[in-house]
Amino acid sequence: MKNFMKKLIVLVSFIFMSSTLFAQTLNVKGLVTDAVTGETLLGVNVIVKNSSKGDVTDFDGNYKISGVPKGSILVFSYLGYQTKEITVDQEVINAALEESSETLDEIVVVGYGSQRKELVSGAFSSLNADKIAEKNPARIEEALTGNAAGVQVTANSGSPGASLNIRIRGITTNGNNSPLVIVDGVNIGSDLSVIDPNDIEKMDIIKDASSAIYGVQAANGVVLITTKSGKKNRPTKFTFNSFSSIQEASNQLDLMNASEYAVYVNETEIADGNNIPYPNINGFGVGTDWQ
């Protein structure tokens, strides 16, 4: 009887400790929005501080993290917004992020002119010349990668020098997903390859209904580019920048040249009892190296 009571006490203690530990972790979920417009934010990093647990908000601004210790801190970070920290004390934690105050005094180009960034309520991203020059991009699309929230840049293929696609509002069903590009007030279509990144003073990306002033061509968003020009009462300045790079295939195949291929085909035909199709092998040379 005495041993039975000891075992019972140990069992009850184990169950109590397990339930206590279970109660100290929460399955946290919530919604992340813009503090001013109330719009949901896609791609916000939600991380449990000092741990590897985290999630990224989906298209509707939702996130979900399982097994979060109660009392830990969630860190919300997003490009162009102030980082926010919230203590975990319940399972539903919503966050409203405020835009970084450092960018509010910038001048933003919009469809009807330009004004201070803090006075514009639409969804947009901005890059100045210094931000563009940080990556030394060969093409202007490369400067947008990781610098403009909600803008996706993908390559058409893995080939060196392959063209890039810009997607501001995702993929549509009308067959055209490219944004409209306006350079100094002139519509140049959707091709950014004709613009030298070093000639750009500022680039603004409009992502919401404020692009309606440009008509149906702006259904996939608008990229507004302001190029550099002379400024009054500024001394003449000459600058020269030079960059070089090499692109090569990561894995080249050991292929036959033209003469080797002709020999191979001749040997195959001889083995089948046929006449050789390439009697003059010396005339082929090495052919073309397509790699």
C-alpha atoms as a PDB file:
ATOM      1  CA  MET A   1       0.000   0.000   0.000  1.00  0.00           C
ATOM      2  CA  LYS A   2       2.844   2.327   0.866  1.00  0.00           C
ATOM      3  CA  ASN A   3       4.606   1.664  -2.465  1.00  0.00           C
ATOM      4  CA  PHE A   4       1.336   2.216  -4.295  1.00  0.00           C
ATOM      5  CA  MET A   5       0.913   5.647  -2.703  1.00  0.00           C
ATOM      6  CA  LYS A   6       4.463   6.633  -3.680  1.00  0.00           C
ATOM      7  CA  LYS A   7       3.844   5.629  -7.275  1.00  0.00           C
ATOM      8  CA  LEU A   8       0.549   7.516  -7.293  1.00  0.00           C
ATOM      9  CA  ILE A   9       2.200  10.690  -5.960  1.00  0.00           C
ATOM     10  CA  VAL A  10       4.960  10.477  -8.583  1.00  0.00           C
ATOM     11  CA  LEU A  11       2.385   9.957 -11.359  1.00  0.00           C
ATOM     12  CA  VAL A  12       0.251  12.898 -10.227  1.00  0.00           C
ATOM     13  CA  SER A  13       3.349  15.116  -9.959  1.00  0.00           C
ATOM     14  CA  PHE A  14       4.448  14.148 -13.470  1.00  0.00           C
ATOM     15  CA  ILE A  15       1.013  14.940 -14.906  1.00  0.00           C
ATOM     16  CA  PHE A  16       0.942  18.283 -13.085  1.00  0.00           C
ATOM     17  CA  MET A  17       4.412  19.245 -14.345  1.00  0.00           C
ATOM     18  CA  SER A  18       3.517  18.243 -17.920  1.00  0.00           C
ATOM     19  CA  SER A  19       0.331  20.306 -17.879  1.00  0.00           C
ATOM     20  CA  THR A  20       2.239  23.261 -16.437  1.00  0.00           C
ATOM     21  CA  LEU A  21       4.875  23.091 -19.156  1.00  0.00           C
ATOM     22  CA  PHE A  22       2.198  22.739 -21.826  1.00  0.00           C
ATOM     23  CA  ALA A  23       0.388  25.796 -20.490  1.00  0.00           C
ATOM     24  CA  GLN A  24       3.577  27.877 -20.813  1.00  0.00           C
ATOM     25  CA  THR A  25       3.651  27.593 -24.622  1.00  0.00           C
ATOM     26  CA  LEU A  26       1.144  29.168 -26.990  1.00  0.00           C
ATOM     27  CA  ASN A  27       0.227  28.764 -30.645  1.00  0.00           C
ATOM     28  CA  VAL A  28       0.349  32.403 -31.686  1.00  0.00           C
ATOM     29  CA  LYS A  29      -1.342  33.835 -34.760  1.00  0.00           C
ATOM     30  CA  GLY A  30      -2.391  37.267 -35.912  1.00  0.00           C
ATOM     31  CA  LEU A  31      -2.717  39.939 -38.590  1.00  0.00           C
ATOM     32  CA  VAL A  32      -0.134  42.563 -39.575  1.00  0.00           C
ATOM     33  CA  THR A  33      -1.345  45.844 -41.093  1.00  0.00           C
ATOM     34  CA  ASP A  34      -0.174  49.345 -41.975  1.00  0.00           C
ATOM     35  CA  ALA A  35      -0.834  51.646 -39.018  1.00  0.00           C
ATOM     36  CA  VAL A  36      -2.045  54.493 -41.263  1.00  0.00           C
ATOM     37  CA  THR A  37      -3.929  52.883 -44.146  1.00  0.00           C
ATOM     38  CA  GLY A  38      -4.993  49.679 -42.392  1.00  0.00           C
ATOM     39  CA  GLU A  39      -3.910  47.627 -45.419  1.00  0.00           C
ATOM     40  CA  THR A  40      -2.548  44.152 -44.764  1.00  0.00           C
ATOM     41  CA  LEU A  41       1.191  43.698 -45.286  1.00  0.00           C
ATOM     42  CA  LEU A  42       2.612  40.789 -47.250  1.00  0.00           C
ATOM     43  CA  GLY A  43       6.073  39.398 -46.437  1.00  0.00           C
ATOM     44  CA  VAL A  44       6.512  40.788 -42.899  1.00  0.00           C
ATOM     45  CA  ASN A  45       9.094  38.823 -40.893  1.00  0.00           C
ATOM     46  CA  VAL A  46       7.691  37.703 -37.532  1.00  0.00           C
ATOM     47  CA  ILE A  47      10.431  36.206 -35.353  1.00  0.00           C
ATOM     48  CA  VAL A  48      10.510  34.987 -31.746  1.00  0.00           C
ATOM     49  CA  LYS A  49      13.361  37.046 -30.291  1.00  0.00           C
ATOM     50  CA  ASN A  50      16.588  35.137 -29.565  1.00  0.00           C
ATOM     51  CA  SER A  51      15.297  31.985 -31.272  1.00  0.00           C
ATOM     52  CA  SER A  52      15.000  30.424 -34.711  1.00  0.00           C
ATOM     53  CA  LYS A  53      11.191  30.283 -34.613  1.00  0.00           C
ATOM     54  CA  GLY A  54       9.301  32.577 -36.937  1.00  0.00           C
ATOM     55  CA  ASP A  55       7.017  33.043 -39.897  1.00  0.00           C
ATOM     56  CA  VAL A  56       6.346  35.396 -42.824  1.00  0.00           C
ATOM     57  CA  THR A  57       2.931  36.970 -43.358  1.00  0.00           C
ATOM     58  CA  ASP A  58       0.928  35.623 -46.286  1.00  0.00           C
ATOM     59  CA  PHE A  59      -0.995  37.518 -48.975  1.00  0.00           C
ATOM     60  CA  ASP A  60      -3.706  38.422 -46.436  1.00  0.00           C
ATOM     61  CA  GLY A  61      -1.208  39.598 -43.799  1.00  0.00           C
ATOM     62  CA  ASN A  62      -1.667  36.558 -41.548  1.00  0.00           C
ATOM     63  CA  TYR A  63       1.044  34.673 -39.665  1.00  0.00           C
ATOM     64  CA  LYS A  64       1.133  31.652 -37.340  1.00  0.00           C
ATOM     65  CA  ILE A  65       3.858  30.350 -35.007  1.00  0.00           C
ATOM     66  CA  SER A  66       3.457  27.201 -32.902  1.00  0.00           C
ATOM     67  CA  GLY A  67       5.002  26.498 -29.501  1.00  0.00           C
ATOM     68  CA  VAL A  68       5.880  30.056 -28.507  1.00  0.00           C
ATOM     69  CA  PRO A  69       6.907  30.348 -24.826  1.00  0.00           C
ATOM     70  CA  LYS A  70       4.632  32.649 -22.872  1.00  0.00           C
ATOM     71  CA  GLY A  71       6.381  35.907 -22.008  1.00  0.00           C
ATOM     72  CA  SER A  72       8.726  35.789 -24.997  1.00  0.00           C
ATOM     73  CA  ILE A  73       8.930  38.670 -27.475  1.00  0.00           C
ATOM     74  CA  LEU A  74       7.736  38.730 -31.084  1.00  0.00           C
ATOM     75  CA  VAL A  75       9.747  40.956 -33.428  1.00  0.00           C
ATOM     76  CA  PHE A  76       7.921  42.341 -36.498  1.00  0.00           C
ATOM     77  CA  SER A  77      10.208  43.729 -39.223  1.00  0.00           C
ATOM     78  CA  TYR A  78       9.403  44.962 -42.735  1.00  0.00           C
ATOM     79  CA  LEU A  79      11.233  47.010 -45.348  1.00  0.00           C
ATOM     80  CA  GLY A  80      10.435  50.720 -44.967  1.00  0.00           C
ATOM     81  CA  TYR A  81       8.697  50.265 -41.598  1.00  0.00           C
ATOM     82  CA  GLN A  82       9.787  50.592 -37.988  1.00  0.00           C
ATOM     83  CA  THR A  83      10.587  47.316 -36.233  1.00  0.00           C
ATOM     84  CA  LYS A  84       8.017  46.482 -33.560  1.00  0.00           C
ATOM     85  CA  GLU A  85       8.302  44.187 -30.536  1.00  0.00           C
ATOM     86  CA  ILE A  86       5.305  42.690 -28.693  1.00  0.00           C
ATOM     87  CA  THR A  87       5.339  40.464 -25.598  1.00  0.00           C
ATOM     88  CA  VAL A  88       3.500  37.153 -25.986  1.00  0.00           C
ATOM     89  CA  ASP A  89       0.668  36.961 -23.446  1.00  0.00           C
ATOM     90  CA  GLN A  90      -2.150  35.547 -25.590  1.00  0.00           C
ATOM     91  CA  GLU A  91      -2.673  33.435 -28.693  1.00  0.00           C
ATOM     92  CA  VAL A  92      -3.959  36.208 -30.993  1.00  0.00           C
ATOM     93  CA  ILE A  93      -1.504  39.066 -31.461  1.00  0.00           C
ATOM     94  CA  ASN A  94      -2.169  41.641 -34.177  1.00  0.00           C
ATOM     95  CA  ALA A  95       0.411  44.260 -35.113  1.00  0.00           C
ATOM     96  CA  ALA A  96       0.114  47.637 -36.850  1.00  0.00           C
ATOM     97  CA  LEU A  97       3.458  48.789 -38.251  1.00  0.00           C
ATOM     98  CA  GLU A  98       4.370  52.439 -38.696  1.00  0.00           C
ATOM     99  CA  GLU A  99       6.434  53.685 -41.617  1.00  0.00           C
ATOM    100  CA  SER A 100      10.001  54.642 -40.797  1.00  0.00           C
ATOM    101  CA  SER A 101      10.158  58.366 -39.946  1.00  0.00           C
ATOM    102  CA  GLU A 102      13.509  58.664 -41.728  1.00  0.00           C
ATOM    103  CA  THR A 103      11.763  58.337 -45.099  1.00  0.00           C
ATOM    104  CA  LEU A 104       8.782  60.632 -44.502  1.00  0.00           C
ATOM    105  CA  ASP A 105      10.543  63.814 -45.647  1.00  0.00           C
ATOM    106  CA  GLU A 106      11.472  62.379 -49.049  1.00  0.00           C
ATOM    107  CA  ILE A 107       9.889  63.891 -52.145  1.00  0.00           C
ATOM    108  CA  VAL A 108       7.768  61.349 -53.991  1.00  0.00           C
ATOM    109  CA  VAL A 109       6.790  61.594 -57.657  1.00  0.00           C
ATOM    110  CA  VAL A 110       3.119  60.745 -58.210  1.00  0.00           C
ATOM    111  CA  GLY A 111       0.848  60.867 -61.235  1.00  0.00           C
ATOM    112  CA  TYR A 112      -0.203  64.472 -60.696  1.00  0.00           C
ATOM    113  CA  GLY A 113       3.125  65.977 -59.586  1.00  0.00           C
ATOM    114  CA  SER A 114       5.356  65.491 -56.548  1.00  0.00           C
ATOM    115  CA  GLN A 115       4.926  65.937 -52.803  1.00  0.00           C
ATOM    116  CA  ARG A 116       6.435  64.960 -49.481  1.00  0.00           C
ATOM    117  CA  LYS A 117       6.262  61.280 -48.711  1.00  0.00           C
ATOM    118  CA  GLU A 118       4.464  61.777 -45.387  1.00  0.00           C
ATOM    119  CA  LEU A 119       1.565  63.467 -47.233  1.00  0.00           C
ATOM    120  CA  VAL A 120       1.009  60.543 -49.604  1.00  0.00           C
ATOM    121  CA  SER A 121      -1.363  57.835 -48.361  1.00  0.00           C
ATOM    122  CA  GLY A 122      -1.102  55.423 -51.304  1.00  0.00           C
ATOM    123  CA  ALA A 123       0.876  52.197 -51.505  1.00  0.00           C
ATOM    124  CA  PHE A 124       4.261  52.952 -53.060  1.00  0.00           C
ATOM    125  CA  SER A 125       8.006  52.396 -52.725  1.00  0.00           C
ATOM    126  CA  SER A 126      10.853  54.825 -53.362  1.00  0.00           C
ATOM    127  CA  LEU A 127      14.543  54.467 -54.237  1.00  0.00           C
ATOM    128  CA  ASN A 128      17.002  57.339 -54.482  1.00  0.00           C
ATOM    129  CA  ALA A 129      20.269  57.418 -56.426  1.00  0.00           C
ATOM    130  CA  ASP A 130      22.368  56.349 -53.423  1.00  0.00           C
ATOM    131  CA  LYS A 131      20.175  53.320 -52.783  1.00  0.00           C
ATOM    132  CA  ILE A 132      20.349  52.307 -56.438  1.00  0.00           C
ATOM    133  CA  ALA A 133      24.144  52.684 -56.547  1.00  0.00           C
ATOM    134  CA  GLU A 134      24.674  50.404 -53.521  1.00  0.00           C
ATOM    135  CA  LYS A 135      24.370  47.241 -55.626  1.00  0.00           C
ATOM    136  CA  ASN A 136      26.208  48.543 -58.711  1.00  0.00           C
ATOM    137  CA  PRO A 137      23.447  47.048 -60.881  1.00  0.00           C
ATOM    138  CA  ALA A 138      24.056  46.246 -64.534  1.00  0.00           C
ATOM    139  CA  ARG A 139      20.301  46.617 -65.086  1.00  0.00           C
ATOM    140  CA  ILE A 140      17.896  48.801 -63.174  1.00  0.00           C
ATOM    141  CA  GLU A 141      15.696  45.799 -62.320  1.00  0.00           C
ATOM    142  CA  GLU A 142      18.524  44.430 -60.166  1.00  0.00           C
ATOM    143  CA  ALA A 143      18.367  47.514 -57.932  1.00  0.00           C
ATOM    144  CA  LEU A 144      14.727  46.761 -57.090  1.00  0.00           C
ATOM    145  CA  THR A 145      15.548  43.318 -55.687  1.00  0.00           C
ATOM    146  CA  GLY A 146      15.156  43.491 -51.913  1.00  0.00           C
ATOM    147  CA  ASN A 147      14.778  47.287 -51.900  1.00  0.00           C
ATOM    148  CA  ALA A 148      11.115  47.732 -52.839  1.00  0.00           C
ATOM    149  CA  ALA A 149       8.458  46.125 -50.651  1.00  0.00           C
ATOM    150  CA  GLY A 150       5.912  44.082 -52.578  1.00  0.00           C
ATOM    151  CA  VAL A 151       7.930  44.145 -55.821  1.00  0.00           C
ATOM    152  CA  GLN A 152       9.104  40.815 -57.220  1.00  0.00           C
ATOM    153  CA  VAL A 153      11.975  40.560 -59.707  1.00  0.00           C
ATOM    154  CA  THR A 154      12.581  37.238 -61.462  1.00  0.00           C
ATOM    155  CA  ALA A 155      14.782  36.093 -64.348  1.00  0.00           C
ATOM    156  CA  ASN A 156      13.302  34.604 -67.511  1.00  0.00           C
ATOM    157  CA  SER A 157      15.970  31.894 -67.468  1.00  0.00           C
ATOM    158  CA  GLY A 158      19.235  30.939 -65.815  1.00  0.00           C
ATOM    159  CA  SER A 159      21.311  31.987 -68.816  1.00  0.00           C
ATOM    160  CA  PRO A 160      23.923  34.728 -68.290  1.00  0.00           C
ATOM    161  CA  GLY A 161      22.455  38.116 -69.213  1.00  0.00           C
ATOM    162  CA  ALA A 162      18.875  36.809 -69.245  1.00  0.00           C
ATOM    163  CA  SER A 163      16.151  39.459 -69.131  1.00  0.00           C
ATOM    164  CA  LEU A 164      14.324  40.184 -65.877  1.00  0.00           C
ATOM    165  CA  ASN A 165      10.615  40.443 -65.087  1.00  0.00           C
ATOM    166  CA  ILE A 166       9.089  42.926 -62.630  1.00  0.00           C
ATOM    167  CA  ARG A 167       5.843  42.018 -60.884  1.00  0.00           C
ATOM    168  CA  ILE A 168       4.183  44.664 -58.701  1.00  0.00           C
ATOM    169  CA  ARG A 169       0.642  43.329 -58.367  1.00  0.00           C
ATOM    170  CA  GLY A 170       1.291  39.638 -58.884  1.00  0.00           C
ATOM    171  CA  ILE A 171       0.125  37.790 -61.989  1.00  0.00           C
ATOM    172  CA  THR A 172      -3.006  38.797 -63.904  1.00  0.00           C
ATOM    173  CA  THR A 173      -5.137  36.827 -66.358  1.00  0.00           C
ATOM    174  CA  ASN A 174      -4.943  39.196 -69.332  1.00  0.00           C
ATOM    175  CA  GLY A 175      -1.537  37.922 -70.459  1.00  0.00           C
ATOM    176  CA  ASN A 176       0.380  41.114 -69.627  1.00  0.00           C
ATOM    177  CA  ASN A 177       1.892  41.288 -66.146  1.00  0.00           C
ATOM    178  CA  SER A 178       4.522  43.988 -66.691  1.00  0.00           C
ATOM    179  CA  PRO A 179       4.209  47.414 -65.043  1.00  0.00           C
ATOM    180  CA  LEU A 180       4.029  50.680 -66.963  1.00  0.00           C
ATOM    181  CA  VAL A 181       7.330  52.595 -67.034  1.00  0.00           C
ATOM    182  CA  ILE A 182       7.285  56.417 -67.115  1.00  0.00           C
ATOM    183  CA  VAL A 183      10.623  58.221 -67.563  1.00  0.00           C
ATOM    184  CA  ASP A 184      10.515  61.995 -66.976  1.00  0.00           C
ATOM    185  CA  GLY A 185       6.820  61.985 -67.867  1.00  0.00           C
ATOM    186  CA  VAL A 186       7.234  59.917 -71.045  1.00  0.00           C
ATOM    187  CA  ASN A 187       5.719  56.458 -71.420  1.00  0.00           C
ATOM    188  CA  ILE A 188       8.426  54.037 -72.607  1.00  0.00           C
ATOM    189  CA  GLY A 189       6.309  50.894 -72.220  1.00  0.00           C
ATOM    190  CA  SER A 190       7.662  48.197 -69.924  1.00  0.00           C
ATOM    191  CA  ASP A 191      11.295  47.828 -71.022  1.00  0.00           C
ATOM    192  CA  LEU A 192      13.801  49.100 -68.441  1.00  0.00           C
ATOM    193  CA  SER A 193      16.873  47.739 -70.223  1.00  0.00           C
ATOM    194  CA  VAL A 194      17.232  50.959 -72.249  1.00  0.00           C
ATOM    195  CA  ILE A 195      17.962  52.998 -69.111  1.00  0.00           C
ATOM    196  CA  ASP A 196      21.407  53.287 -67.536  1.00  0.00           C
ATOM    197  CA  PRO A 197      21.087  52.906 -63.730  1.00  0.00           C
ATOM    198  CA  ASN A 198      23.697  55.663 -63.305  1.00  0.00           C
ATOM    199  CA  ASP A 199      21.392  58.166 -65.026  1.00  0.00           C
ATOM    200  CA  ILE A 200      18.584  57.741 -62.483  1.00  0.00           C
ATOM    201  CA  GLU A 201      18.038  60.351 -59.788  1.00  0.00           C
ATOM    202  CA  LYS A 202      14.970  58.749 -58.229  1.00  0.00           C
ATOM    203  CA  MET A 203      12.599  55.884 -58.821  1.00  0.00           C
ATOM    204  CA  ASP A 204       9.064  55.556 -57.395  1.00  0.00           C
ATOM    205  CA  ILE A 205       6.822  52.505 -57.679  1.00  0.00           C
ATOM    206  CA  ILE A 206       3.050  53.051 -57.428  1.00  0.00           C
ATOM    207  CA  LYS A 207       1.131  49.931 -56.435  1.00  0.00           C
ATOM    208  CA  ASP A 208      -2.440  50.974 -55.657  1.00  0.00           C
ATOM    209  CA  ALA A 209      -5.409  52.783 -57.228  1.00  0.00           C
ATOM    210  CA  SER A 210      -3.506  56.087 -57.391  1.00  0.00           C
ATOM    211  CA  SER A 211      -1.984  54.761 -60.633  1.00  0.00           C
ATOM    212  CA  ALA A 212      -5.429  55.060 -62.287  1.00  0.00           C
ATOM    213  CA  ILE A 213      -4.442  58.438 -63.731  1.00  0.00           C
ATOM    214  CA  TYR A 214      -2.352  56.500 -66.273  1.00  0.00           C
ATOM    215  CA  GLY A 215      -5.322  54.462 -67.489  1.00  0.00           C
ATOM    216  CA  VAL A 216      -5.606  50.741 -68.168  1.00  0.00           C
ATOM    217  CA  GLN A 217      -1.899  50.449 -68.969  1.00  0.00           C
ATOM    218  CA  ALA A 218      -1.211  50.950 -65.263  1.00  0.00           C
ATOM    219  CA  ALA A 219      -3.229  47.905 -64.180  1.00  0.00           C
ATOM    220  CA  ASN A 220      -0.005  46.137 -63.187  1.00  0.00           C
ATOM    221  CA  GLY A 221       1.471  49.120 -61.355  1.00  0.00           C
ATOM    222  CA  VAL A 222       3.640  52.034 -62.466  1.00  0.00           C
ATOM    223  CA  VAL A 223       7.385  52.656 -62.257  1.00  0.00           C
ATOM    224  CA  LEU A 224       8.124  56.411 -62.282  1.00  0.00           C
ATOM    225  CA  ILE A 225      11.740  57.287 -63.070  1.00  0.00           C
ATOM    226  CA  THR A 226      13.306  60.735 -62.719  1.00  0.00           C
ATOM    227  CA  THR A 227      16.673  61.070 -64.450  1.00  0.00           C
ATOM    228  CA  LYS A 228      19.564  63.230 -63.342  1.00  0.00           C
ATOM    229  CA  SER A 229      19.803  66.763 -64.705  1.00  0.00           C
ATOM    230  CA  GLY A 230      21.745  69.952 -64.134  1.00  0.00           C
ATOM    231  CA  LYS A 231      20.965  71.974 -60.994  1.00  0.00           C
ATOM    232  CA  LYS A 232      21.095  75.710 -60.491  1.00  0.00           C
ATOM    233  CA  ASN A 233      24.025  77.219 -58.555  1.00  0.00           C
ATOM    234  CA  ARG A 234      25.880  73.905 -58.466  1.00  0.00           C
ATOM    235  CA  PRO A 235      29.524  73.587 -59.564  1.00  0.00           C
ATOM    236  CA  THR A 236      30.301  71.479 -62.616  1.00  0.00           C
ATOM    237  CA  LYS A 237      31.199  67.949 -61.603  1.00  0.00           C
ATOM    238  CA  PHE A 238      32.587  65.086 -63.650  1.00  0.00           C
ATOM    239  CA  THR A 239      32.579  61.513 -62.353  1.00  0.00           C
ATOM    240  CA  PHE A 240      33.772  58.260 -63.872  1.00  0.00           C
ATOM    241  CA  ASN A 241      32.890  54.768 -62.667  1.00  0.00           C
ATOM    242  CA  SER A 242      34.050  51.519 -64.176  1.00  0.00           C
ATOM    243  CA  PHE A 243      32.952  47.996 -63.289  1.00  0.00           C
ATOM    244  CA  SER A 244      33.771  44.654 -64.842  1.00  0.00           C
ATOM    245  CA  SER A 245      32.252  41.227 -64.342  1.00  0.00           C
ATOM    246  CA  ILE A 246      32.418  37.756 -65.827  1.00  0.00           C
ATOM    247  CA  GLN A 247      29.518  35.378 -66.264  1.00  0.00           C
ATOM    248  CA  GLU A 248      30.015  31.716 -66.990  1.00  0.00           C
ATOM    249  CA  ALA A 249      28.007  28.519 -66.885  1.00  0.00           C
ATOM    250  CA  SER A 250      28.257  26.709 -63.554  1.00  0.00           C
ATOM    251  CA  ASN A 251      28.305  23.250 -65.142  1.00  0.00           C
ATOM    252  CA  GLN A 252      29.601  22.641 -68.656  1.00  0.00           C
ATOM    253  CA  LEU A 253      29.052  19.313 -70.391  1.00  0.00           C
ATOM    254  CA  ASP A 254      31.869  17.424 -72.093  1.00  0.00           C
ATOM    255  CA  LEU A 255      30.439  17.322 -75.623  1.00  0.00           C
ATOM    256  CA  MET A 256      31.842  16.112 -78.938  1.00  0.00           C
ATOM    257  CA  ASN A 257      32.965  18.580 -81.568  1.00  0.00           C
ATOM    258  CA  ALA A 258      31.858  18.326 -85.208  1.00  0.00           C
ATOM    259  CA  SER A 259      34.635  15.934 -86.305  1.00  0.00           C
ATOM    260  CA  GLU A 260      34.168  13.657 -83.291  1.00  0.00           C
ATOM    261  CA  TYR A 261      30.441  13.515 -83.916  1.00  0.00           C
ATOM    262  CA  ALA A 262      31.003  12.572 -87.586  1.00  0.00           C
ATOM    263  CA  VAL A 263      33.345   9.739 -86.551  1.00  0.00           C
ATOM    264  CA  TYR A 264      30.787   8.495 -84.027  1.00  0.00           C
ATOM    265  CA  VAL A 265      27.972   8.461 -86.621  1.00  0.00           C
ATOM    266  CA  ASN A 266      30.188   6.734 -89.205  1.00  0.00           C
ATOM    267  CA  GLU A 267      31.131   3.996 -86.733  1.00  0.00           C
ATOM    268  CA  THR A 268      27.465   3.486 -85.854  1.00  0.00           C
ATOM    269  CA  GLU A 269      26.478   3.111 -89.513  1.00  0.00           C
ATOM    270  CA  ILE A 270      29.375   0.711 -90.188  1.00  0.00           C
ATOM    271  CA  ALA A 271      28.270  -1.448 -87.259  1.00  0.00           C
ATOM    272  CA  ASP A 272      24.789  -1.589 -88.811  1.00  0.00           C
ATOM    273  CA  GLY A 273      26.214  -2.546 -92.208  1.00  0.00           C
ATOM    274  CA  ASN A 274      25.374   0.777 -93.867  1.00  0.00           C
ATOM    275  CA  ASN A 275      27.436   3.240 -95.872  1.00  0.00           C
ATOM    276  CA  ILE A 276      29.143   6.014 -93.926  1.00  0.00           C
ATOM    277  CA  PRO A 277      27.267   9.344 -94.216  1.00  0.00           C
ATOM    278  CA  TYR A 278      30.356  11.523 -93.607  1.00  0.00           C
ATOM    279  CA  PRO A 279      33.274  10.381 -95.775  1.00  0.00           C
ATOM    280  CA  ASN A 280      35.156  13.714 -95.564  1.00  0.00           C
ATOM    281  CA  ILE A 281      35.648  14.125 -91.810  1.00  0.00           C
ATOM    282  CA  ASN A 282      38.569  16.552 -92.115  1.00  0.00           C
ATOM    283  CA  GLY A 283      36.262  19.165 -93.610  1.00  0.00           C
ATOM    284  CA  PHE A 284      34.195  19.494 -90.434  1.00  0.00           C
ATOM    285  CA  GLY A 285      36.852  20.952 -88.157  1.00  0.00           C
ATOM    286  CA  VAL A 286      35.913  21.490 -84.508  1.00  0.00           C
ATOM    287  CA  GLY A 287      32.566  23.165 -85.230  1.00  0.00           C
ATOM    288  CA  THR A 288      30.943  25.656 -82.831  1.00  0.00           C
ATOM    289  CA  ASP A 289      31.180  25.561 -79.034  1.00  0.00           C
ATOM    290  CA  TRP A 290      27.571  26.413 -78.087  1.00  0.00           C
ATOM    291  CA  GLN A 291      28.387  26.451 -74.382  1.00  0.00           C
END
